[in-house]
Amino acid sequence: MNHNDRPCIDVCRYDDDTDWCFGCGMTKREKKAWKRVPAYREAIRAALPLRLEALSVEGHVTGPGAGKKHRE
């Protein structure tokens, strides 16, 4: 797996409670581990779909749309 296979989509906005990124689901710590410890990549990637689903159920915009400014 190379750097281009990373789940990060450059949204980098985080939920205050979970520290999960609204764009990809990774935490800041996992983003660092992705670069430094390739052995963790499979476990990190496996956790992301459920995290993004949980954020979505809570009413958050996830994925690429999370990077767009929303009117309140």
C-alpha atoms as a PDB file:
ATOM      1  CA  MET A   1       0.000   0.000   0.000  1.00  0.00           C
ATOM      2  CA  ASN A   2       1.434   3.392  -0.899  1.00  0.00           C
ATOM      3  CA  HIS A   3       0.793   6.919   0.322  1.00  0.00           C
ATOM      4  CA  ASN A   4      -1.865   7.434  -2.363  1.00  0.00           C
ATOM      5  CA  ASP A   5      -3.969   4.639  -0.845  1.00  0.00           C
ATOM      6  CA  ARG A   6      -4.506   6.606   2.345  1.00  0.00           C
ATOM      7  CA  PRO A   7      -8.119   7.232   3.351  1.00  0.00           C
ATOM      8  CA  CYS A   8      -7.440  10.908   4.133  1.00  0.00           C
ATOM      9  CA  ILE A   9      -9.296  13.215   1.740  1.00  0.00           C
ATOM     10  CA  ASP A  10      -7.758  16.454   3.067  1.00  0.00           C
ATOM     11  CA  VAL A  11     -10.854  17.686   4.908  1.00  0.00           C
ATOM     12  CA  CYS A  12      -9.146  17.547   8.338  1.00  0.00           C
ATOM     13  CA  ARG A  13     -12.014  18.773  10.525  1.00  0.00           C
ATOM     14  CA  TYR A  14     -12.496  16.830  13.751  1.00  0.00           C
ATOM     15  CA  ASP A  15     -15.365  15.940  16.059  1.00  0.00           C
ATOM     16  CA  ASP A  16     -14.687  17.381  19.524  1.00  0.00           C
ATOM     17  CA  ASP A  17     -15.962  14.297  21.345  1.00  0.00           C
ATOM     18  CA  THR A  18     -14.331  11.483  19.363  1.00  0.00           C
ATOM     19  CA  ASP A  19     -11.445  13.240  17.574  1.00  0.00           C
ATOM     20  CA  TRP A  20     -12.599  11.510  14.376  1.00  0.00           C
ATOM     21  CA  CYS A  21     -12.114  13.430  11.146  1.00  0.00           C
ATOM     22  CA  PHE A  22     -15.404  14.262   9.412  1.00  0.00           C
ATOM     23  CA  GLY A  23     -13.738  13.613   6.053  1.00  0.00           C
ATOM     24  CA  CYS A  24     -12.106  10.212   6.506  1.00  0.00           C
ATOM     25  CA  GLY A  25     -12.821   9.081  10.071  1.00  0.00           C
ATOM     26  CA  MET A  26      -9.199   8.916  11.241  1.00  0.00           C
ATOM     27  CA  THR A  27      -7.944  10.589  14.390  1.00  0.00           C
ATOM     28  CA  LYS A  28      -4.927  12.910  14.313  1.00  0.00           C
ATOM     29  CA  ARG A  29      -2.928  10.181  16.027  1.00  0.00           C
ATOM     30  CA  GLU A  30      -3.955   7.613  13.404  1.00  0.00           C
ATOM     31  CA  LYS A  31      -2.982   9.986  10.588  1.00  0.00           C
ATOM     32  CA  LYS A  32       0.521  10.141  12.060  1.00  0.00           C
ATOM     33  CA  ALA A  33       0.616   6.355  12.554  1.00  0.00           C
ATOM     34  CA  TRP A  34      -0.505   5.856   8.936  1.00  0.00           C
ATOM     35  CA  LYS A  35       2.683   7.536   7.773  1.00  0.00           C
ATOM     36  CA  ARG A  36       5.040   6.001  10.324  1.00  0.00           C
ATOM     37  CA  VAL A  37       3.674   2.511  11.059  1.00  0.00           C
ATOM     38  CA  PRO A  38       2.339   0.788   7.931  1.00  0.00           C
ATOM     39  CA  ALA A  39       1.398  -2.291   9.985  1.00  0.00           C
ATOM     40  CA  TYR A  40      -1.500  -0.305  11.530  1.00  0.00           C
ATOM     41  CA  ARG A  41      -3.044   0.647   8.195  1.00  0.00           C
ATOM     42  CA  GLU A  42      -5.358  -2.339   7.817  1.00  0.00           C
ATOM     43  CA  ALA A  43      -6.818  -1.907  11.321  1.00  0.00           C
ATOM     44  CA  ILE A  44      -7.241   1.844  10.843  1.00  0.00           C
ATOM     45  CA  ARG A  45      -8.953   1.411   7.482  1.00  0.00           C
ATOM     46  CA  ALA A  46     -11.293  -1.257   8.902  1.00  0.00           C
ATOM     47  CA  ALA A  47     -12.578   1.119  11.619  1.00  0.00           C
ATOM     48  CA  LEU A  48     -13.388   4.058   9.344  1.00  0.00           C
ATOM     49  CA  PRO A  49     -16.731   3.111   7.735  1.00  0.00           C
ATOM     50  CA  LEU A  50     -18.436   2.609  11.101  1.00  0.00           C
ATOM     51  CA  ARG A  51     -17.003   5.851  12.433  1.00  0.00           C
ATOM     52  CA  LEU A  52     -18.230   7.850   9.462  1.00  0.00           C
ATOM     53  CA  GLU A  53     -21.636   6.192   9.770  1.00  0.00           C
ATOM     54  CA  ALA A  54     -21.789   7.041  13.483  1.00  0.00           C
ATOM     55  CA  LEU A  55     -20.886  10.681  12.782  1.00  0.00           C
ATOM     56  CA  SER A  56     -23.530  10.818  10.061  1.00  0.00           C
ATOM     57  CA  VAL A  57     -26.189   9.361  12.366  1.00  0.00           C
ATOM     58  CA  GLU A  58     -25.314  12.129  14.839  1.00  0.00           C
ATOM     59  CA  GLY A  59     -26.175  14.642  12.125  1.00  0.00           C
ATOM     60  CA  HIS A  60     -22.684  15.538  10.923  1.00  0.00           C
ATOM     61  CA  VAL A  61     -21.800  15.910   7.263  1.00  0.00           C
ATOM     62  CA  THR A  62     -19.068  13.406   6.421  1.00  0.00           C
ATOM     63  CA  GLY A  63     -16.847  12.681   3.456  1.00  0.00           C
ATOM     64  CA  PRO A  64     -15.964  15.353   0.888  1.00  0.00           C
ATOM     65  CA  GLY A  65     -19.005  17.460   1.836  1.00  0.00           C
ATOM     66  CA  ALA A  66     -17.603  17.935   5.337  1.00  0.00           C
ATOM     67  CA  GLY A  67     -14.991  20.292   3.978  1.00  0.00           C
ATOM     68  CA  LYS A  68     -17.511  22.724   2.588  1.00  0.00           C
ATOM     69  CA  LYS A  69     -18.740  25.668   4.609  1.00  0.00           C
ATOM     70  CA  HIS A  70     -22.346  25.256   5.687  1.00  0.00           C
ATOM     71  CA  ARG A  71     -24.789  28.037   6.436  1.00  0.00           C
ATOM     72  CA  GLU A  72     -26.164  27.947   9.942  1.00  0.00           C
END
